Amino acid sequence: MATALVGLPTAAQDVRVTSDTADAELLKKLQSELRTDASTATVFEARRQARRAAEKAENYLNSIGYFAPDIAYSVDPSDPPIALVRIEPGPQFQFLSIQIDTGPTPLADTAQEALATVQTLTAGDIVLPAEIIAEEAGLIAALRALGYAEAEAMTREVLGDRDGGLIDLPYRLDPGPRIRLGDVGFSEGTRTRRQYLDRLVPFEREALYSPQALAALTRRLYATRLYRLANVQIAPAASDTSEDGAEIRDVLVQLEEQNRYTLTPGTSFSTSAGPGLTPSLTRRRA
């Protein structure tokens, strides 16, 4: 391919991009990414601008799957001096394979099915870091929704073939134990009647953990308008084990109550008695 030369519009003609291998569409995208309104009056300023443009070009190319670009920068010492960036993008990487490794502990069948549903990237797809991160987050969310409250992603170890432009991607996930919900304990000293609080709990004992269950209890507590703080979380250690081998974790609820009495000022006016003050005292009950 003949050398392509891309000059930016006259208003910002301070970075010049050249390439022997990039196609016109990619050069146009690079031009848009590297555009700047900064001007350069000296060779030193132009070199600094060229260096920054080269770094920005590499980051952009990485974000769209070009992980082995060859980038060089220099300066045309004209008047004014012009920043020059030469970019050979190399191959746009594709997935050779994608695997999910959840360690030695077998997952429940429903969890295996959920992971298969969430996984959308396949061999042959362009490698886009944003999509890898999004899919990994989706895999973790799927595990947590099915009782694996402490599921987390381990360090990624991506294996790539620079010359072939291919990547093997193993998602390494630590699901942790499967968890069912135990007894619900509220802060000591809470003045609200326990019978009232129990009616707010939206799940049965030994229900499978899910973030939605704890979030529903949090919303119900705040909806009473009795609390300025309602923090709901599972206990760090198991209190028992269910018949299917899941850990039973109690649910711990930390509450900070609102003031029980609210004094509301009011005013009145009478043609016979004149102005007056009519405060009201409201008591929250539960």
Protein backbone atom coordinates (compact mmCIF):
# COMPACT_ATOMS: atom_id res chain seq x y z
CA MET A 1 0.00 0.00 0.00
CA ALA A 2 1.29 3.45 -0.83
CA THR A 3 2.08 5.75 2.02
CA ALA A 4 -1.04 7.50 3.21
CA LEU A 5 -0.78 11.03 4.51
CA VAL A 6 -3.52 12.48 6.64
CA GLY A 7 -3.44 16.19 7.39
CA LEU A 8 -5.82 17.59 9.95
CA PRO A 9 -8.15 20.50 9.09
CA THR A 10 -6.45 23.87 8.76
CA ALA A 11 -7.76 25.06 12.11
CA ALA A 12 -5.84 22.30 13.89
CA GLN A 13 -3.15 21.23 11.43
CA ASP A 14 -0.57 20.40 14.08
CA VAL A 15 -0.39 16.58 13.99
CA ARG A 16 0.32 14.71 10.79
CA VAL A 17 -0.32 10.97 10.61
CA THR A 18 1.30 8.68 8.03
CA SER A 19 1.04 4.94 7.44
CA ASP A 20 2.00 2.36 4.83
CA THR A 21 -0.46 -0.29 6.00
CA ALA A 22 -3.49 1.32 7.66
CA ASP A 23 -6.60 1.60 5.49
CA ALA A 24 -8.42 4.86 4.87
CA GLU A 25 -11.18 4.17 7.41
CA LEU A 26 -8.74 3.46 10.25
CA LEU A 27 -6.68 6.54 9.36
CA LYS A 28 -9.82 8.65 9.49
CA LYS A 29 -10.61 7.32 12.99
CA LEU A 30 -7.04 8.00 14.11
CA GLN A 31 -7.27 11.50 12.73
CA SER A 32 -10.38 12.10 14.79
CA GLU A 33 -8.79 10.68 17.95
CA LEU A 34 -5.58 12.69 17.61
CA ARG A 35 -7.14 15.99 16.70
CA THR A 36 -6.15 18.83 18.98
CA ASP A 37 -6.65 22.57 19.06
CA ALA A 38 -3.23 23.15 20.64
CA SER A 39 -0.70 25.05 18.58
CA THR A 40 3.07 24.56 18.48
CA ALA A 41 5.48 27.48 18.16
CA THR A 42 8.73 25.60 18.82
CA VAL A 43 10.28 22.27 17.88
CA PHE A 44 10.25 21.31 21.56
CA GLU A 45 6.47 21.85 21.78
CA ALA A 46 5.90 19.94 18.55
CA ARG A 47 7.95 16.98 19.81
CA ARG A 48 6.00 16.89 23.06
CA GLN A 49 2.76 17.01 21.10
CA ALA A 50 3.97 14.20 18.81
CA ARG A 51 4.89 12.04 21.82
CA ARG A 52 1.48 12.55 23.39
CA ALA A 53 -0.23 11.80 20.09
CA ALA A 54 1.76 8.55 19.76
CA GLU A 55 0.70 7.45 23.26
CA LYS A 56 -2.92 8.34 22.56
CA ALA A 57 -2.81 6.47 19.23
CA GLU A 58 -1.48 3.33 20.94
CA ASN A 59 -4.21 3.45 23.61
CA TYR A 60 -6.88 3.92 20.98
CA LEU A 61 -5.56 1.10 18.79
CA ASN A 62 -5.43 -1.23 21.80
CA SER A 63 -9.04 -0.40 22.60
CA ILE A 64 -10.18 -1.63 19.17
CA GLY A 65 -8.10 -4.78 19.02
CA TYR A 66 -4.72 -3.70 17.64
CA PHE A 67 -2.31 -4.89 20.33
CA ALA A 68 0.95 -4.89 18.36
CA PRO A 69 1.15 -1.51 16.59
CA ASP A 70 4.42 -0.03 15.42
CA ILE A 71 4.34 3.69 16.23
CA ALA A 72 7.06 6.30 15.82
CA TYR A 73 6.98 10.06 16.18
CA SER A 74 9.16 12.93 14.98
CA VAL A 75 8.95 16.62 14.07
CA ASP A 76 8.94 18.48 10.79
CA PRO A 77 11.02 21.60 11.67
CA SER A 78 9.04 23.87 9.37
CA ASP A 79 7.58 27.20 10.45
CA PRO A 80 5.57 26.48 12.45
CA PRO A 81 6.95 23.01 13.33
CA ILE A 82 4.57 20.06 12.80
CA ALA A 83 4.23 16.94 14.94
CA LEU A 84 4.59 13.75 12.88
CA VAL A 85 3.28 10.32 13.90
CA ARG A 86 3.87 7.22 11.80
CA ILE A 87 1.53 4.32 12.60
CA GLU A 88 1.60 0.74 11.34
CA PRO A 89 -1.32 -0.85 13.23
CA GLY A 90 -0.43 -4.51 12.71
CA PRO A 91 -3.16 -7.18 12.87
CA GLN A 92 -6.52 -6.63 14.52
CA PHE A 93 -6.56 -9.48 17.03
CA GLN A 94 -9.29 -12.12 17.13
CA PHE A 95 -10.23 -14.73 19.70
CA LEU A 96 -8.82 -18.18 19.03
CA SER A 97 -10.71 -19.63 22.01
CA ILE A 98 -12.61 -18.53 25.12
CA GLN A 99 -12.91 -20.70 28.22
CA ILE A 100 -14.49 -20.29 31.65
CA ASP A 101 -12.49 -21.79 34.52
CA THR A 102 -14.37 -21.90 37.85
CA GLY A 103 -11.83 -24.03 39.72
CA PRO A 104 -12.12 -27.51 41.18
CA THR A 105 -15.46 -27.14 42.96
CA PRO A 106 -18.35 -28.16 40.69
CA LEU A 107 -21.09 -25.59 40.15
CA ALA A 108 -24.81 -26.21 40.40
CA ASP A 109 -26.41 -27.06 37.04
CA THR A 110 -28.39 -23.81 37.07
CA ALA A 111 -25.17 -21.84 37.52
CA GLN A 112 -23.51 -23.66 34.61
CA GLU A 113 -26.51 -22.88 32.42
CA ALA A 114 -26.50 -19.22 33.50
CA LEU A 115 -22.82 -18.81 32.61
CA ALA A 116 -23.42 -20.32 29.20
CA THR A 117 -26.26 -17.87 28.62
CA VAL A 118 -24.19 -14.83 29.63
CA GLN A 119 -21.19 -15.77 27.50
CA THR A 120 -21.60 -14.06 24.13
CA LEU A 121 -18.01 -13.70 22.87
CA THR A 122 -16.93 -16.51 20.55
CA ALA A 123 -13.87 -17.61 18.58
CA GLY A 124 -13.33 -15.34 15.60
CA ASP A 125 -14.67 -12.20 17.27
CA ILE A 126 -12.50 -9.09 17.35
CA VAL A 127 -10.77 -8.71 20.73
CA LEU A 128 -12.18 -5.58 22.37
CA PRO A 129 -11.06 -5.00 25.98
CA ALA A 130 -14.31 -3.23 26.91
CA GLU A 131 -16.32 -6.28 25.82
CA ILE A 132 -14.06 -8.65 27.78
CA ILE A 133 -14.54 -6.60 30.95
CA ALA A 134 -18.30 -6.33 30.42
CA GLU A 135 -18.70 -10.06 29.85
CA GLU A 136 -16.60 -10.89 32.91
CA ALA A 137 -18.82 -8.61 35.03
CA GLY A 138 -21.87 -10.36 33.60
CA LEU A 139 -20.47 -13.79 34.55
CA ILE A 140 -19.86 -12.65 38.13
CA ALA A 141 -23.35 -11.13 38.35
CA ALA A 142 -24.89 -14.39 37.09
CA LEU A 143 -23.10 -16.39 39.79
CA ARG A 144 -24.11 -13.99 42.56
CA ALA A 145 -27.73 -14.07 41.44
CA LEU A 146 -27.71 -17.86 41.91
CA GLY A 147 -26.37 -17.97 45.44
CA TYR A 148 -22.64 -17.47 44.98
CA ALA A 149 -22.48 -14.26 47.01
CA GLU A 150 -18.69 -14.09 47.15
CA ALA A 151 -17.97 -14.86 43.48
CA GLU A 152 -15.10 -12.83 42.07
CA ALA A 153 -12.84 -12.70 39.03
CA MET A 154 -9.25 -13.80 39.36
CA THR A 155 -6.34 -12.22 37.48
CA ARG A 156 -6.70 -12.67 33.72
CA GLU A 157 -3.89 -14.47 31.93
CA VAL A 158 -4.41 -13.77 28.25
CA LEU A 159 -2.24 -15.74 25.82
CA GLY A 160 -1.60 -14.10 22.45
CA ASP A 161 0.07 -14.87 19.14
CA ARG A 162 1.56 -11.56 18.01
CA ASP A 163 2.28 -12.66 14.46
CA GLY A 164 -1.01 -14.44 13.94
CA GLY A 165 -3.11 -11.82 15.71
CA LEU A 166 -4.86 -14.46 17.85
CA ILE A 167 -5.70 -14.57 21.57
CA ASP A 168 -6.74 -17.36 23.94
CA LEU A 169 -8.93 -15.94 26.70
CA PRO A 170 -9.51 -17.94 29.89
CA TYR A 171 -11.96 -16.34 32.33
CA ARG A 172 -10.72 -17.44 35.75
CA LEU A 173 -13.56 -17.18 38.27
CA ASP A 174 -13.66 -18.06 41.96
CA PRO A 175 -17.35 -18.73 42.72
CA GLY A 176 -16.84 -19.30 46.44
CA PRO A 177 -19.45 -21.25 48.41
CA ARG A 178 -23.11 -21.37 47.49
CA ILE A 179 -25.06 -19.54 50.17
CA ARG A 180 -28.57 -19.74 51.58
CA LEU A 181 -30.05 -17.12 53.89
CA GLY A 182 -30.42 -17.90 57.59
CA ASP A 183 -31.95 -15.97 60.46
CA VAL A 184 -32.30 -12.20 60.23
CA GLY A 185 -30.74 -10.28 63.11
CA PHE A 186 -31.40 -6.60 63.76
CA SER A 187 -29.26 -4.08 65.65
CA GLU A 188 -29.38 -4.36 69.43
CA GLY A 189 -31.41 -1.61 71.01
CA THR A 190 -33.72 -1.14 68.03
CA ARG A 191 -36.96 0.28 69.40
CA THR A 192 -39.12 -1.00 66.55
CA ARG A 193 -41.16 -4.07 67.51
CA ARG A 194 -39.56 -7.29 66.26
CA GLN A 195 -42.90 -8.55 64.99
CA TYR A 196 -43.17 -5.50 62.73
CA LEU A 197 -39.62 -5.94 61.45
CA ASP A 198 -40.17 -9.63 60.69
CA ARG A 199 -43.08 -8.72 58.43
CA LEU A 200 -40.72 -6.63 56.30
CA VAL A 201 -38.42 -9.57 55.49
CA PRO A 202 -39.20 -10.59 51.86
CA PHE A 203 -37.59 -14.07 51.91
CA GLU A 204 -37.94 -17.34 53.79
CA ARG A 205 -35.21 -18.97 55.83
CA GLU A 206 -32.85 -21.04 53.65
CA ALA A 207 -33.86 -19.15 50.52
CA LEU A 208 -31.00 -19.00 48.03
CA TYR A 209 -28.92 -15.85 48.39
CA SER A 210 -29.43 -13.16 45.78
CA PRO A 211 -28.48 -9.47 45.77
CA GLN A 212 -32.10 -8.68 44.91
CA ALA A 213 -33.37 -10.27 48.14
CA LEU A 214 -31.14 -8.12 50.33
CA ALA A 215 -31.91 -5.03 48.24
CA ALA A 216 -35.66 -5.65 48.66
CA LEU A 217 -35.30 -5.76 52.45
CA THR A 218 -33.25 -2.55 52.38
CA ARG A 219 -35.94 -0.78 50.32
CA ARG A 220 -38.71 -1.91 52.67
CA LEU A 221 -36.85 -0.64 55.70
CA TYR A 222 -36.26 2.77 54.15
CA ALA A 223 -39.87 2.90 52.95
CA THR A 224 -41.05 2.88 56.60
CA ARG A 225 -39.28 6.26 57.03
CA LEU A 226 -38.27 5.09 60.51
CA TYR A 227 -34.55 4.81 59.74
CA ARG A 228 -31.86 7.14 58.53
CA LEU A 229 -29.58 4.13 57.96
CA ALA A 230 -30.43 0.55 56.98
CA ASN A 231 -27.44 -1.64 56.14
CA VAL A 232 -28.23 -5.25 55.17
CA GLN A 233 -25.51 -7.84 54.63
CA ILE A 234 -24.81 -11.52 55.12
CA ALA A 235 -22.67 -12.78 58.00
CA PRO A 236 -19.02 -13.51 57.16
CA ALA A 237 -19.24 -17.10 58.46
CA ALA A 238 -21.76 -19.91 58.11
CA SER A 239 -24.13 -20.73 60.96
CA ASP A 240 -25.19 -24.08 59.45
CA THR A 241 -25.21 -26.16 56.26
CA SER A 242 -28.29 -26.91 54.16
CA GLU A 243 -29.24 -30.35 52.84
CA ASP A 244 -27.81 -29.52 49.41
CA GLY A 245 -24.44 -28.59 50.94
CA ALA A 246 -24.83 -24.82 50.72
CA GLU A 247 -23.63 -22.61 53.55
CA ILE A 248 -26.34 -20.97 55.63
CA ARG A 249 -25.39 -17.40 56.48
CA ASP A 250 -27.45 -15.24 58.82
CA VAL A 251 -28.52 -11.83 57.59
CA LEU A 252 -27.25 -8.91 59.66
CA VAL A 253 -29.22 -5.67 59.63
CA GLN A 254 -27.75 -2.49 61.07
CA LEU A 255 -30.34 0.21 61.75
CA GLU A 256 -30.11 3.80 62.88
CA GLU A 257 -33.52 5.16 63.74
CA GLN A 258 -34.94 8.56 62.97
CA ASN A 259 -36.08 10.75 65.85
CA ARG A 260 -39.43 9.45 67.10
CA TYR A 261 -40.86 12.91 67.68
CA THR A 262 -40.98 15.73 65.15
CA LEU A 263 -41.90 19.27 66.21
CA THR A 264 -43.46 21.22 63.35
CA PRO A 265 -43.95 24.96 63.83
CA GLY A 266 -47.13 26.62 62.58
CA THR A 267 -48.78 30.03 62.66
CA SER A 268 -52.33 31.30 62.86
CA PHE A 269 -54.09 34.64 62.68
CA SER A 270 -57.35 35.73 64.25
CA THR A 271 -59.04 39.11 63.85
CA SER A 272 -59.90 39.04 67.53
CA ALA A 273 -56.74 37.50 69.02
CA GLY A 274 -54.16 38.48 66.41
CA PRO A 275 -51.31 36.27 65.28
CA GLY A 276 -50.49 33.09 67.12
CA LEU A 277 -48.13 30.10 67.13
CA THR A 278 -49.63 26.63 66.62
CA PRO A 279 -46.85 24.03 66.77
CA SER A 280 -47.61 20.34 66.30
CA LEU A 281 -45.83 17.30 67.70
CA THR A 282 -45.73 14.15 65.51
CA ARG A 283 -44.74 10.74 66.88
CA ARG A 284 -43.53 7.98 64.56
CA ARG A 285 -44.98 4.62 65.54
CA ALA A 286 -43.96 1.07 64.67
